[in-house]
N, C-alpha and C. Protein backbone atom coordinates (compact mmCIF):
# COMPACT_ATOMS: atom_id res chain seq x y z
N MET A 1 106.89 118.60 98.63
CA MET A 1 108.14 117.55 98.80
C MET A 1 109.15 118.39 99.29
N GLY A 2 109.56 118.04 100.53
CA GLY A 2 110.60 118.73 101.29
C GLY A 2 112.01 117.90 101.06
N TYR A 3 112.18 116.68 101.12
CA TYR A 3 113.45 115.99 100.86
C TYR A 3 113.01 114.60 100.46
N ILE A 4 113.83 113.92 99.63
CA ILE A 4 113.73 112.42 99.55
C ILE A 4 115.21 112.03 99.33
N GLY A 5 115.52 111.00 100.13
CA GLY A 5 117.10 110.27 99.89
C GLY A 5 117.47 109.62 100.75
N GLY A 6 118.21 108.57 100.66
CA GLY A 6 118.94 107.79 101.78
C GLY A 6 117.95 106.92 102.68
N GLY A 7 116.76 106.60 102.09
CA GLY A 7 115.65 106.00 102.67
C GLY A 7 114.89 106.77 103.47
N ASN A 8 114.88 108.04 103.31
CA ASN A 8 114.19 109.02 104.04
C ASN A 8 113.36 109.90 103.06
N ALA A 9 112.10 110.29 103.43
CA ALA A 9 111.58 111.24 102.74
C ALA A 9 110.90 112.34 103.59
N LEU A 10 110.63 113.51 103.26
CA LEU A 10 110.01 114.57 104.19
C LEU A 10 109.04 115.09 103.25
N LEU A 11 107.86 115.13 103.55
CA LEU A 11 106.49 115.48 102.68
C LEU A 11 105.88 116.52 103.43
N PHE A 12 105.33 117.43 102.71
CA PHE A 12 104.42 118.51 103.46
C PHE A 12 103.13 118.53 103.02
N LEU A 13 101.97 118.13 103.76
CA LEU A 13 100.83 118.18 102.96
C LEU A 13 99.91 119.40 103.85
N ASN A 14 98.93 119.79 103.32
CA ASN A 14 98.10 120.79 103.76
C ASN A 14 97.00 120.26 104.74
N ASP A 15 96.79 118.95 104.88
CA ASP A 15 95.73 118.35 105.53
C ASP A 15 96.10 116.91 106.41
N GLN A 16 96.13 117.22 107.72
CA GLN A 16 96.86 116.20 108.65
C GLN A 16 95.97 114.61 108.27
N GLU A 17 94.83 114.78 107.99
CA GLU A 17 94.09 113.64 107.71
C GLU A 17 94.40 112.91 106.37
N LYS A 18 94.81 113.68 105.25
CA LYS A 18 95.26 113.33 104.25
C LYS A 18 96.75 112.60 104.50
N ALA A 19 97.63 113.11 105.18
CA ALA A 19 98.78 112.75 105.61
C ALA A 19 98.80 111.30 106.28
N LYS A 20 97.88 111.22 107.13
CA LYS A 20 97.48 109.98 107.82
C LYS A 20 97.16 108.89 106.75
N ASP A 21 96.25 109.28 105.88
CA ASP A 21 95.83 108.30 104.83
C ASP A 21 97.03 107.75 103.88
N LEU A 22 97.83 108.66 103.56
CA LEU A 22 98.86 108.67 102.76
C LEU A 22 99.98 107.56 103.48
N ALA A 23 100.08 107.84 104.87
CA ALA A 23 100.98 107.00 105.51
C ALA A 23 100.61 105.67 105.64
N LYS A 24 99.22 105.45 105.79
CA LYS A 24 98.73 104.15 105.89
C LYS A 24 98.77 103.47 104.67
N GLU A 25 98.50 104.07 103.43
CA GLU A 25 98.55 103.36 102.26
C GLU A 25 99.90 103.11 101.62
N TRP A 26 101.09 103.99 102.07
CA TRP A 26 102.51 103.78 101.86
C TRP A 26 102.86 102.82 102.99
N SER A 27 102.46 102.60 103.88
CA SER A 27 103.16 101.50 104.44
C SER A 27 102.45 100.25 104.47
N LYS A 28 101.18 100.21 103.97
CA LYS A 28 100.79 98.87 103.28
C LYS A 28 101.38 98.37 102.12
N GLU A 29 101.67 99.21 101.25
CA GLU A 29 102.39 98.82 100.12
C GLU A 29 103.93 98.54 100.41
N LEU A 30 104.60 99.17 101.28
CA LEU A 30 105.93 98.64 101.72
C LEU A 30 105.83 97.33 102.40
N LEU A 31 104.78 97.03 103.41
CA LEU A 31 104.73 95.86 104.06
C LEU A 31 104.58 94.68 103.07
N ILE A 32 103.79 95.01 102.10
CA ILE A 32 103.47 93.92 101.06
C ILE A 32 104.43 93.66 100.12
N ASN A 33 105.06 94.68 99.40
CA ASN A 33 106.11 94.48 98.66
C ASN A 33 107.65 94.29 99.05
N THR A 34 107.56 94.86 100.22
CA THR A 34 109.25 94.67 100.45
C THR A 34 109.32 94.37 101.94
N PRO A 35 109.15 93.13 102.13
CA PRO A 35 109.03 92.17 103.40
C PRO A 35 110.49 92.71 104.13
N GLY A 36 110.35 92.49 105.22
CA GLY A 36 111.55 92.90 106.21
C GLY A 36 111.77 94.56 106.54
N LEU A 37 111.13 95.23 105.55
CA LEU A 37 111.18 96.63 106.12
C LEU A 37 110.30 96.99 107.17
N ASN A 38 110.84 97.93 108.20
CA ASN A 38 109.73 98.55 109.03
C ASN A 38 109.68 99.98 108.97
N PRO A 39 108.86 100.36 108.37
CA PRO A 39 108.58 101.68 108.19
C PRO A 39 108.19 102.39 109.34
N ASN A 40 108.66 103.51 109.38
CA ASN A 40 108.35 104.50 110.24
C ASN A 40 108.18 105.93 110.09
N ILE A 41 107.12 106.58 110.64
CA ILE A 41 106.43 107.62 110.02
C ILE A 41 106.27 108.70 111.19
N ALA A 42 106.23 109.88 111.07
CA ALA A 42 106.03 111.06 111.93
C ALA A 42 105.12 111.88 111.34
N ILE A 43 104.14 112.30 111.92
CA ILE A 43 103.25 113.27 111.20
C ILE A 43 102.92 114.28 112.47
N CYS A 44 103.46 115.46 112.09
CA CYS A 44 103.36 116.68 112.95
C CYS A 44 102.65 117.90 112.22
N ALA A 45 101.77 118.44 113.04
CA ALA A 45 101.22 119.89 112.49
C ALA A 45 102.12 121.01 112.84
N ILE A 46 102.33 121.72 111.79
CA ILE A 46 103.11 122.85 111.75
C ILE A 46 102.57 124.23 111.31
N ASP A 47 103.02 125.17 111.64
CA ASP A 47 102.46 126.49 111.36
C ASP A 47 103.08 126.71 109.97
N ASP A 48 102.30 127.13 109.02
CA ASP A 48 102.69 127.70 107.66
C ASP A 48 103.76 128.58 107.56
N GLY A 49 103.88 129.62 108.70
CA GLY A 49 104.84 130.57 108.76
C GLY A 49 106.18 130.00 108.91
N TYR A 50 106.37 128.93 109.49
CA TYR A 50 107.59 128.29 109.60
C TYR A 50 108.57 127.82 108.38
N LEU A 51 107.57 127.41 107.64
CA LEU A 51 108.09 126.92 106.08
C LEU A 51 108.77 128.09 105.42
N ASN A 52 108.02 129.39 105.28
CA ASN A 52 108.78 130.38 104.79
C ASN A 52 109.96 131.08 105.55
N ASN A 53 110.01 130.77 106.81
CA ASN A 53 111.26 131.41 107.42
C ASN A 53 112.30 130.50 107.66
N LYS A 54 113.42 130.75 106.86
CA LYS A 54 114.52 129.75 107.02
C LYS A 54 115.26 129.56 108.13
N ASP A 55 114.93 130.76 109.23
CA ASP A 55 115.62 130.75 110.60
C ASP A 55 114.81 129.79 111.47
N LYS A 56 113.64 129.76 111.14
CA LYS A 56 112.70 128.83 111.99
C LYS A 56 112.55 127.15 111.41
N PHE A 57 112.99 127.08 110.32
CA PHE A 57 112.94 125.77 109.51
C PHE A 57 113.53 124.80 110.36
N PRO A 58 114.79 125.05 110.78
CA PRO A 58 115.37 123.97 111.48
C PRO A 58 114.83 123.44 112.89
N ASP A 59 114.09 124.27 113.30
CA ASP A 59 112.89 123.97 114.53
C ASP A 59 111.91 123.06 114.04
N ILE A 60 111.58 123.04 112.99
CA ILE A 60 110.51 122.08 112.31
C ILE A 60 111.01 120.72 112.22
N ILE A 61 112.19 120.58 111.74
CA ILE A 61 112.80 119.45 111.38
C ILE A 61 113.27 118.90 112.61
N THR A 62 113.62 119.56 113.78
CA THR A 62 113.95 119.05 114.83
C THR A 62 112.61 118.26 115.45
N LYS A 63 111.32 118.99 115.41
CA LYS A 63 110.36 118.59 115.97
C LYS A 63 109.88 117.02 115.46
N ILE A 64 110.06 117.29 113.79
CA ILE A 64 109.54 116.02 113.20
C ILE A 64 110.51 114.78 113.59
N PHE A 65 111.90 115.03 113.68
CA PHE A 65 112.82 113.89 113.97
C PHE A 65 112.74 113.36 115.55
N LYS A 66 112.20 114.31 116.23
CA LYS A 66 111.94 113.98 117.72
C LYS A 66 110.68 113.01 117.82
N GLN A 67 109.77 113.38 117.04
CA GLN A 67 108.30 112.55 116.82
C GLN A 67 108.85 111.20 116.30
N LEU A 68 109.52 111.40 115.20
CA LEU A 68 109.98 110.07 114.52
C LEU A 68 110.80 109.10 115.48
N THR A 69 111.89 109.59 116.29
CA THR A 69 112.57 108.89 117.21
C THR A 69 111.57 108.30 118.32
N GLU A 70 110.58 108.92 118.58
CA GLU A 70 109.60 108.37 119.76
C GLU A 70 108.97 107.31 119.02
N ASN A 71 108.51 107.53 117.85
CA ASN A 71 107.66 106.54 116.99
C ASN A 71 108.44 105.13 116.97
N LYS A 72 109.70 105.29 116.65
CA LYS A 72 110.52 104.23 116.45
C LYS A 72 110.90 103.46 117.64
N LEU A 73 110.66 104.16 118.78
CA LEU A 73 111.13 103.47 120.16
C LEU A 73 109.64 102.75 120.57
N LYS A 74 108.61 103.01 119.83
CA LYS A 74 107.49 102.10 120.17
C LYS A 74 107.33 100.83 119.48
N TYR A 75 106.29 100.12 119.72
CA TYR A 75 106.22 98.61 119.39
C TYR A 75 106.47 98.57 117.72
N GLN A 76 107.18 97.71 117.32
CA GLN A 76 107.55 97.41 116.16
C GLN A 76 107.04 96.20 115.44
N PRO A 77 106.10 96.03 114.83
CA PRO A 77 105.39 94.82 114.51
C PRO A 77 106.26 93.84 113.61
N GLN A 78 106.50 92.59 113.72
CA GLN A 78 107.39 91.69 113.08
C GLN A 78 106.50 91.50 111.60
N THR A 79 107.66 91.79 110.76
CA THR A 79 107.20 91.92 109.36
C THR A 79 107.49 90.66 108.36
N THR A 80 108.43 89.76 109.12
CA THR A 80 108.82 88.60 108.49
C THR A 80 108.33 87.31 109.23
N LEU A 81 108.44 86.26 108.40
CA LEU A 81 107.95 84.97 108.98
C LEU A 81 109.22 84.58 110.05
N PRO A 82 108.68 84.18 111.13
CA PRO A 82 109.85 83.64 112.13
C PRO A 82 110.49 82.42 111.68
N ARG A 83 111.46 82.03 112.07
CA ARG A 83 112.04 80.70 111.81
C ARG A 83 111.46 79.71 112.64
N HIS A 84 111.17 78.62 112.24
CA HIS A 84 110.48 77.36 112.93
C HIS A 84 111.48 76.41 112.90
N GLY A 85 111.18 75.31 113.61
CA GLY A 85 112.20 74.02 113.33
C GLY A 85 111.78 73.29 112.27
N ILE A 86 110.65 73.57 111.74
CA ILE A 86 110.54 72.65 110.50
C ILE A 86 110.66 73.23 109.18
N THR A 87 111.17 74.58 109.34
CA THR A 87 111.47 75.19 108.05
C THR A 87 113.13 75.51 107.93
N ALA A 88 113.45 75.49 106.55
CA ALA A 88 114.75 75.71 106.18
C ALA A 88 115.21 77.11 106.48
N GLU A 89 116.64 77.16 106.54
CA GLU A 89 117.16 78.60 106.86
C GLU A 89 117.52 78.97 105.35
N CYS A 90 117.24 80.37 105.02
CA CYS A 90 117.79 81.08 103.92
C CYS A 90 119.14 81.17 103.91
N ASN A 91 119.92 80.76 103.02
CA ASN A 91 121.20 81.05 103.06
C ASN A 91 121.62 82.47 102.57
N ARG A 92 120.74 83.05 102.30
CA ARG A 92 121.16 84.67 102.02
C ARG A 92 120.92 85.64 103.12
N THR A 93 119.74 85.33 104.04
CA THR A 93 119.39 86.31 105.05
C THR A 93 119.40 85.62 106.26
N GLY A 94 119.31 84.38 106.28
CA GLY A 94 119.26 83.46 107.74
C GLY A 94 117.95 83.45 108.21
N LEU A 95 116.74 84.09 107.60
CA LEU A 95 115.51 84.02 107.78
C LEU A 95 114.88 82.58 107.49
N SER A 96 113.68 82.39 107.82
CA SER A 96 112.91 81.40 107.25
C SER A 96 112.85 81.20 105.55
N ALA A 97 113.33 80.19 104.88
CA ALA A 97 113.24 79.92 103.73
C ALA A 97 111.74 79.42 103.18
N GLU A 98 110.88 80.07 102.61
CA GLU A 98 109.56 79.85 102.41
C GLU A 98 109.43 79.92 100.91
N CYS A 99 110.15 80.63 99.99
CA CYS A 99 109.87 80.90 98.59
C CYS A 99 111.02 80.14 97.89
N LEU A 100 110.53 79.76 96.52
CA LEU A 100 111.32 79.07 95.74
C LEU A 100 112.15 80.28 95.05
N ASP A 101 113.56 79.99 94.67
CA ASP A 101 114.42 80.81 94.10
C ASP A 101 114.57 80.45 92.99
N LYS A 102 114.08 81.39 91.97
CA LYS A 102 113.75 81.38 90.58
C LYS A 102 115.11 81.62 89.75
N THR A 103 115.88 82.13 90.63
CA THR A 103 117.33 82.37 89.76
C THR A 103 117.99 81.00 89.61
N MET A 104 117.81 80.03 90.28
CA MET A 104 118.35 78.78 90.34
C MET A 104 117.60 77.99 89.39
N LYS A 105 118.11 77.83 88.20
CA LYS A 105 117.32 77.06 87.14
C LYS A 105 117.24 75.55 87.13
N ASP A 106 118.49 75.15 87.62
CA ASP A 106 118.47 73.52 87.60
C ASP A 106 118.37 72.94 89.04
N LYS A 107 118.24 73.82 90.06
CA LYS A 107 118.03 73.39 91.32
C LYS A 107 116.64 73.69 92.09
N LYS A 108 116.31 73.12 92.99
CA LYS A 108 115.06 73.41 93.84
C LYS A 108 115.56 74.09 95.00
N VAL A 109 115.89 75.65 95.22
CA VAL A 109 116.51 76.08 96.34
C VAL A 109 115.29 77.02 96.94
N TYR A 110 115.32 77.08 98.21
CA TYR A 110 114.30 77.96 98.79
C TYR A 110 115.00 79.16 99.46
N ILE A 111 114.40 80.27 99.37
CA ILE A 111 114.90 81.41 100.18
C ILE A 111 113.90 82.09 100.71
N SER A 112 114.30 83.31 101.58
CA SER A 112 113.15 83.91 102.40
C SER A 112 112.57 85.00 101.63
N SER A 113 111.49 85.48 101.98
CA SER A 113 110.51 86.33 101.18
C SER A 113 111.15 87.69 100.93
N VAL A 114 112.10 87.97 102.15
CA VAL A 114 112.91 89.35 102.19
C VAL A 114 114.10 89.03 100.86
N ALA A 115 114.61 87.86 100.70
CA ALA A 115 115.68 87.84 99.55
C ALA A 115 114.95 87.94 98.39
N ARG A 116 113.72 87.08 98.34
CA ARG A 116 112.99 87.16 97.08
C ARG A 116 112.69 88.55 96.49
N ALA A 117 112.23 89.50 97.56
CA ALA A 117 111.68 90.70 97.16
C ALA A 117 113.22 91.58 96.68
N LYS A 118 114.28 91.43 97.29
CA LYS A 118 115.39 92.08 96.95
C LYS A 118 115.74 91.64 95.57
N LEU A 119 115.58 90.49 95.23
CA LEU A 119 116.25 89.88 93.98
C LEU A 119 115.44 90.34 92.80
N ALA A 120 114.09 90.38 93.12
CA ALA A 120 113.14 91.08 92.11
C ALA A 120 113.36 92.28 91.66
N VAL A 121 113.38 93.23 92.63
CA VAL A 121 113.76 94.73 92.47
C VAL A 121 115.07 94.96 91.83
N ALA A 122 116.12 93.95 92.19
CA ALA A 122 117.35 94.10 91.71
C ALA A 122 117.33 93.67 90.02
N ASP A 123 116.54 92.56 89.74
CA ASP A 123 116.34 92.36 88.28
C ASP A 123 115.42 93.20 87.47
N ALA A 124 114.71 93.79 88.25
CA ALA A 124 113.79 95.18 87.39
C ALA A 124 114.72 96.18 87.40
N ALA A 125 115.48 96.54 88.14
CA ALA A 125 116.50 97.67 87.97
C ALA A 125 117.56 97.55 87.04
N THR A 126 117.75 96.10 86.83
CA THR A 126 118.91 95.68 85.83
C THR A 126 118.37 95.82 84.46
N ASP A 127 117.33 95.18 84.45
CA ASP A 127 116.37 95.18 83.27
C ASP A 127 116.24 96.86 82.69
N LYS A 128 115.81 97.65 83.59
CA LYS A 128 115.73 99.00 83.18
C LYS A 128 116.86 99.45 82.75
N LEU A 129 117.79 99.45 83.45
CA LEU A 129 119.32 99.95 83.16
C LEU A 129 119.98 99.38 81.72
N HIS A 130 119.35 98.13 81.41
CA HIS A 130 119.88 97.52 80.04
C HIS A 130 118.89 98.39 79.03
N GLU A 131 117.70 98.38 79.10
CA GLU A 131 116.50 99.47 78.30
C GLU A 131 117.19 100.65 77.99
N ASP A 132 117.47 101.51 79.15
CA ASP A 132 118.11 102.63 79.01
C ASP A 132 119.29 102.86 78.21
N PHE A 133 120.25 101.82 78.44
CA PHE A 133 121.72 101.68 77.76
C PHE A 133 121.36 101.50 76.36
N LYS A 134 120.42 100.80 75.85
CA LYS A 134 120.00 100.26 74.39
C LYS A 134 119.51 101.56 73.83
N LYS A 135 118.67 102.39 74.52
CA LYS A 135 118.03 103.50 73.91
C LYS A 135 119.09 104.72 73.63
N SER A 136 119.96 104.68 74.77
CA SER A 136 120.98 105.87 74.65
C SER A 136 122.09 105.37 73.70
N PHE A 137 122.22 104.08 73.45
CA PHE A 137 123.28 103.67 72.58
C PHE A 137 122.65 103.73 71.00
N LYS A 138 121.44 103.66 70.92
CA LYS A 138 120.93 103.79 69.69
C LYS A 138 120.76 105.35 68.95
N ALA A 139 120.34 106.02 70.21
CA ALA A 139 120.38 107.37 69.89
C ALA A 139 121.54 108.10 69.58
N ASN A 140 122.63 107.53 69.94
CA ASN A 140 124.05 108.07 69.57
C ASN A 140 124.86 107.61 68.42
N ILE A 141 124.04 106.58 67.56
CA ILE A 141 124.75 105.88 66.38
C ILE A 141 124.46 106.75 65.35
């Protein structure tokens, strides 16, 4: 692992085919579980000697980001449902509202799949934060 942060990851693998397989699986997971994201990937073959030479390492990064930029400029598939005249608009994202908002207990409100995915992740993160706080609180009593 070279770097992970800010929505970016730099991974080094020994086998280019394994890198392609990882990219396919990761992209599939993102497209299924995080609608609205457009993953971009660059796979570059590099000489192992560059990794151990801190003076040449910036050249590797420049090469990878150049490839990534080229990939971003290529065709980007549509990953969310387009709005049609027969669908309502999501009041959170402006996209097509095709999912029932489970946070609205007493009303039937529809939201986009993008909003639903973000709400689900936020709920899971909040639950984990509460659990971690409870554990920490109990440990300090």
